[in-house]
């Protein structure tokens, strides 16, 4: 294993996922880590079908939205339940619900150039804990202290904004969001491994065509409006940081869906 592509927060946006999977560096990657929040969006069934087609190259992780989809599909009622989540849960086939229910919280891989690397959605102990690029070091210390001493790198997602930083001698990487970016529009992901170290990537794609396609193909009421807001990154990185910074170390979500 020499190179790993990391895709996170796809949120059922099939055109964005297709654009990233068409990237030569993703097509040639030895592994594709799917770092959670995969299907909760306007095209949940089609998104999961495409991810399953990746076969053994895919390494799956659980995000909070994946866990919530399973709960909703099983009849639970969630606090602050978002309409698109409730709708997406009704669309999934039984085997897709079973797939999401069995996803792990973390995966550990040996990444060339980075060493022992833990992958998760939010943090290694929670699928919804909020840590940001500028979170206080004492919060990072609390999270990182739970990792084995030989872990040199942590890859997390959840906040939909790409970054790299050092925290208590460990490298922390966030690939950003494929389907729901905050800041500049595009599909964000990361490439790790031999000869490259860490490369944060952004794949541009036709946002107008993608929005029209989602509006036409998704059965979610208001899918076109949803796509216009999230695909075009109407929430800036500053908006997101202001929202998330109030919940450093806790659960938070910036969403109109």
Protein backbone atom coordinates (compact mmCIF):
# COMPACT_ATOMS: atom_id res chain seq x y z
CA UNK A 1 0.00 0.00 0.00
CA UNK A 2 1.57 3.26 -1.11
CA UNK A 3 -1.19 5.85 -1.60
CA UNK A 4 -4.52 6.45 0.11
CA UNK A 5 -7.31 8.76 -1.01
CA UNK A 6 -9.55 10.06 1.79
CA UNK A 7 -13.14 11.02 0.98
CA UNK A 8 -15.42 12.33 3.71
CA UNK A 9 -18.79 14.03 4.16
CA UNK A 10 -20.13 13.00 0.77
CA UNK A 11 -23.69 13.45 2.06
CA UNK A 12 -25.40 11.72 -0.81
CA UNK A 13 -24.18 14.16 -3.47
CA UNK A 14 -23.60 11.79 -6.35
CA UNK A 15 -22.21 14.25 -8.95
CA UNK A 16 -19.51 15.42 -6.52
CA UNK A 17 -18.57 11.85 -5.68
CA UNK A 18 -18.40 10.89 -9.35
CA UNK A 19 -16.11 13.86 -10.05
CA UNK A 20 -13.69 12.82 -7.30
CA UNK A 21 -13.69 9.15 -8.26
CA UNK A 22 -12.79 10.18 -11.82
CA UNK A 23 -9.59 11.84 -10.62
CA UNK A 24 -6.54 9.85 -11.83
CA UNK A 25 -4.96 9.89 -8.38
CA UNK A 26 -8.13 8.45 -6.87
CA UNK A 27 -8.51 5.83 -9.59
CA UNK A 28 -4.94 4.67 -8.97
CA UNK A 29 -5.03 4.83 -5.15
CA UNK A 30 -4.37 1.58 -3.30
CA UNK A 31 -7.07 2.37 -0.75
CA UNK A 32 -9.96 4.82 -0.61
CA UNK A 33 -10.88 5.68 2.97
CA UNK A 34 -14.54 6.73 3.29
CA UNK A 35 -14.46 8.82 6.45
CA UNK A 36 -18.13 8.99 7.34
CA UNK A 37 -21.34 10.91 6.63
CA UNK A 38 -21.68 9.16 3.32
CA UNK A 39 -25.35 8.93 2.38
CA UNK A 40 -27.34 11.54 4.30
CA UNK A 41 -28.35 13.75 1.40
CA UNK A 42 -30.41 13.91 -1.79
CA UNK A 43 -29.10 10.73 -3.51
CA UNK A 44 -28.44 8.25 -0.70
CA UNK A 45 -29.16 4.99 -2.50
CA UNK A 46 -27.16 5.81 -5.62
CA UNK A 47 -24.25 7.12 -3.56
CA UNK A 48 -23.96 3.96 -1.50
CA UNK A 49 -24.27 1.78 -4.60
CA UNK A 50 -21.34 3.61 -6.19
CA UNK A 51 -19.23 3.33 -3.04
CA UNK A 52 -19.95 -0.40 -2.75
CA UNK A 53 -18.75 -0.82 -6.35
CA UNK A 54 -15.26 0.22 -5.17
CA UNK A 55 -14.94 -3.24 -3.64
CA UNK A 56 -11.98 -4.12 -1.45
CA UNK A 57 -10.21 -0.82 -2.12
CA UNK A 58 -12.75 0.98 0.06
CA UNK A 59 -12.19 1.34 3.81
CA UNK A 60 -15.43 2.41 5.48
CA UNK A 61 -15.94 4.49 8.64
CA UNK A 62 -19.02 5.60 10.54
CA UNK A 63 -20.06 9.23 10.78
CA UNK A 64 -22.78 10.60 13.02
CA UNK A 65 -25.11 11.02 10.03
CA UNK A 66 -24.64 7.36 9.10
CA UNK A 67 -25.53 6.33 12.65
CA UNK A 68 -28.56 8.63 12.63
CA UNK A 69 -29.79 7.23 9.31
CA UNK A 70 -29.77 3.75 10.82
CA UNK A 71 -31.64 4.96 13.90
CA UNK A 72 -34.27 6.74 11.79
CA UNK A 73 -34.69 3.73 9.51
CA UNK A 74 -35.37 1.65 12.62
CA UNK A 75 -38.11 4.00 13.78
CA UNK A 76 -36.27 6.28 16.19
CA UNK A 77 -37.05 9.97 16.57
CA UNK A 78 -34.05 12.25 16.88
CA UNK A 79 -33.71 15.63 18.54
CA UNK A 80 -33.38 18.43 15.95
CA UNK A 81 -34.15 15.93 13.21
CA UNK A 82 -33.36 17.37 9.77
CA UNK A 83 -35.94 16.77 7.03
CA UNK A 84 -33.44 15.47 4.49
CA UNK A 85 -32.12 12.96 7.02
CA UNK A 86 -35.57 11.59 7.73
CA UNK A 87 -36.31 11.37 4.01
CA UNK A 88 -32.99 9.67 3.17
CA UNK A 89 -33.58 7.04 5.86
CA UNK A 90 -36.80 5.99 4.13
CA UNK A 91 -35.01 5.52 0.80
CA UNK A 92 -32.30 3.07 1.87
CA UNK A 93 -32.61 -0.62 1.10
CA UNK A 94 -32.34 -3.08 4.02
CA UNK A 95 -28.82 -4.20 3.03
CA UNK A 96 -27.70 -0.56 2.92
CA UNK A 97 -29.02 0.04 6.42
CA UNK A 98 -27.20 -3.08 7.56
CA UNK A 99 -23.99 -1.84 5.92
CA UNK A 100 -24.15 1.52 7.70
CA UNK A 101 -25.01 -0.15 11.01
CA UNK A 102 -21.82 -2.21 10.91
CA UNK A 103 -19.34 0.57 10.21
CA UNK A 104 -16.47 1.07 12.69
CA UNK A 105 -15.67 4.29 14.54
CA UNK A 106 -11.96 4.15 13.69
CA UNK A 107 -9.53 2.37 11.39
CA UNK A 108 -5.74 2.25 11.80
CA UNK A 109 -3.45 1.96 8.76
CA UNK A 110 0.30 2.20 8.22
CA UNK A 111 0.68 5.02 5.70
CA UNK A 112 4.05 5.42 3.94
CA UNK A 113 5.63 8.69 4.97
CA UNK A 114 3.15 9.27 7.78
CA UNK A 115 3.52 6.15 9.91
CA UNK A 116 0.77 4.66 12.03
CA UNK A 117 -2.36 6.64 11.18
CA UNK A 118 -5.78 6.59 12.82
CA UNK A 119 -8.75 7.48 10.62
CA UNK A 120 -12.07 8.60 12.07
CA UNK A 121 -15.01 10.85 11.26
CA UNK A 122 -14.92 13.39 14.09
CA UNK A 123 -12.52 12.15 16.77
CA UNK A 124 -11.32 8.66 17.72
CA UNK A 125 -13.75 8.58 20.65
CA UNK A 126 -16.84 10.18 19.09
CA UNK A 127 -18.47 10.43 15.67
CA UNK A 128 -19.76 13.96 16.38
CA UNK A 129 -17.22 15.71 18.62
CA UNK A 130 -16.12 19.07 17.18
CA UNK A 131 -12.45 19.95 16.89
CA UNK A 132 -11.27 22.71 14.56
CA UNK A 133 -7.99 23.84 13.09
CA UNK A 134 -7.89 26.55 15.79
CA UNK A 135 -9.30 24.53 18.68
CA UNK A 136 -7.34 25.08 21.92
CA UNK A 137 -4.46 22.71 22.44
CA UNK A 138 -5.89 21.43 25.71
CA UNK A 139 -8.85 20.02 23.78
CA UNK A 140 -6.52 18.36 21.31
CA UNK A 141 -4.45 16.97 24.16
CA UNK A 142 -7.54 15.43 25.73
CA UNK A 143 -8.42 13.64 22.49
CA UNK A 144 -4.92 12.66 21.41
CA UNK A 145 -4.03 11.29 24.85
CA UNK A 146 -6.33 8.34 24.13
CA UNK A 147 -4.28 7.22 21.12
CA UNK A 148 -1.53 4.64 21.34
CA UNK A 149 1.94 6.12 21.64
CA UNK A 150 3.00 4.84 18.22
CA UNK A 151 0.24 6.78 16.40
CA UNK A 152 1.85 9.69 14.59
CA UNK A 153 -1.06 10.93 12.46
CA UNK A 154 -4.79 11.47 12.92
CA UNK A 155 -7.14 11.90 9.97
CA UNK A 156 -10.56 13.29 10.85
CA UNK A 157 -13.43 15.04 9.05
CA UNK A 158 -16.90 16.20 10.23
CA UNK A 159 -16.41 19.99 10.04
CA UNK A 160 -16.39 20.18 6.21
CA UNK A 161 -13.27 22.37 6.06
CA UNK A 162 -9.84 21.05 4.95
CA UNK A 163 -6.74 21.67 7.02
CA UNK A 164 -3.53 20.22 8.39
CA UNK A 165 -1.97 21.12 11.73
CA UNK A 166 0.35 19.83 14.41
CA UNK A 167 -1.06 19.16 17.85
CA UNK A 168 1.11 17.76 20.62
CA UNK A 169 3.65 16.34 18.15
CA UNK A 170 1.01 14.62 16.05
CA UNK A 171 -0.07 15.56 12.56
CA UNK A 172 -3.81 16.14 12.18
CA UNK A 173 -5.39 16.10 8.72
CA UNK A 174 -8.93 17.02 7.66
CA UNK A 175 -9.74 16.35 3.98
CA UNK A 176 -12.80 18.62 3.89
CA UNK A 177 -16.14 17.64 2.39
CA UNK A 178 -16.87 16.04 -0.97
CA UNK A 179 -20.53 17.01 -1.10
CA UNK A 180 -21.16 19.88 1.35
CA UNK A 181 -18.14 22.20 1.50
CA UNK A 182 -17.99 25.30 3.65
CA UNK A 183 -15.98 28.06 2.00
CA UNK A 184 -15.15 27.70 -1.69
CA UNK A 185 -17.31 25.42 -3.83
CA UNK A 186 -15.87 22.15 -5.12
CA UNK A 187 -15.41 18.57 -3.96
CA UNK A 188 -12.64 18.30 -1.35
CA UNK A 189 -10.55 15.23 -0.52
CA UNK A 190 -7.00 14.28 0.45
CA UNK A 191 -4.23 12.11 -0.90
CA UNK A 192 -1.74 10.53 1.49
CA UNK A 193 1.28 8.34 1.12
CA UNK A 194 4.48 7.53 -0.68
CA UNK A 195 6.21 10.43 -2.41
CA UNK A 196 3.48 12.91 -1.54
CA UNK A 197 3.07 13.00 2.23
CA UNK A 198 -0.18 14.94 2.55
CA UNK A 199 -1.92 16.66 -0.35
CA UNK A 200 -5.23 18.43 0.16
CA UNK A 201 -7.17 18.35 -3.09
CA UNK A 202 -10.18 20.18 -4.54
CA UNK A 203 -12.00 18.83 -7.58
CA UNK A 204 -14.07 21.40 -9.49
CA UNK A 205 -17.17 20.21 -11.30
CA UNK A 206 -20.18 21.71 -13.09
CA UNK A 207 -22.27 22.99 -10.20
CA UNK A 208 -25.18 24.13 -12.38
CA UNK A 209 -25.44 20.75 -14.08
CA UNK A 210 -25.08 18.93 -10.77
CA UNK A 211 -27.78 21.03 -9.13
CA UNK A 212 -30.14 20.47 -12.05
CA UNK A 213 -29.47 16.74 -11.99
CA UNK A 214 -30.12 16.48 -8.25
CA UNK A 215 -33.31 18.48 -8.63
CA UNK A 216 -34.50 16.18 -11.42
CA UNK A 217 -33.37 12.81 -10.05
CA UNK A 218 -33.78 13.11 -6.28
CA UNK A 219 -37.19 12.50 -4.79
CA UNK A 220 -36.46 14.82 -1.89
CA UNK A 221 -38.84 17.81 -1.86
CA UNK A 222 -36.77 20.94 -2.38
CA UNK A 223 -33.74 19.00 -3.61
CA UNK A 224 -32.83 21.75 -6.06
CA UNK A 225 -32.83 24.41 -3.35
CA UNK A 226 -30.80 22.13 -1.07
CA UNK A 227 -28.24 21.57 -3.82
CA UNK A 228 -27.97 25.27 -4.60
CA UNK A 229 -27.15 26.06 -0.99
CA UNK A 230 -24.69 23.29 -0.25
CA UNK A 231 -23.00 22.61 -3.58
CA UNK A 232 -22.31 26.32 -4.04
CA UNK A 233 -20.97 26.61 -0.49
CA UNK A 234 -23.33 29.42 0.49
CA UNK A 235 -21.99 29.02 4.06
CA UNK A 236 -18.48 30.43 4.11
CA UNK A 237 -15.61 29.03 6.13
CA UNK A 238 -15.95 32.07 8.41
CA UNK A 239 -19.66 31.29 8.93
CA UNK A 240 -18.83 27.68 9.74
CA UNK A 241 -16.00 28.52 12.11
CA UNK A 242 -18.19 30.99 14.00
CA UNK A 243 -20.86 28.34 14.39
CA UNK A 244 -18.56 25.49 15.32
CA UNK A 245 -16.34 27.56 17.62
CA UNK A 246 -19.24 27.86 20.06
CA UNK A 247 -19.21 24.08 20.40
CA UNK A 248 -15.50 23.26 20.57
CA UNK A 249 -15.21 19.78 21.97
CA UNK A 250 -18.95 19.11 21.74
CA UNK A 251 -21.45 18.09 19.07
CA UNK A 252 -22.45 20.70 16.53
CA UNK A 253 -23.88 20.89 13.04
CA UNK A 254 -24.20 23.75 10.57
CA UNK A 255 -27.08 22.74 8.34
CA UNK A 256 -30.20 24.15 6.78
CA UNK A 257 -31.20 20.66 5.53
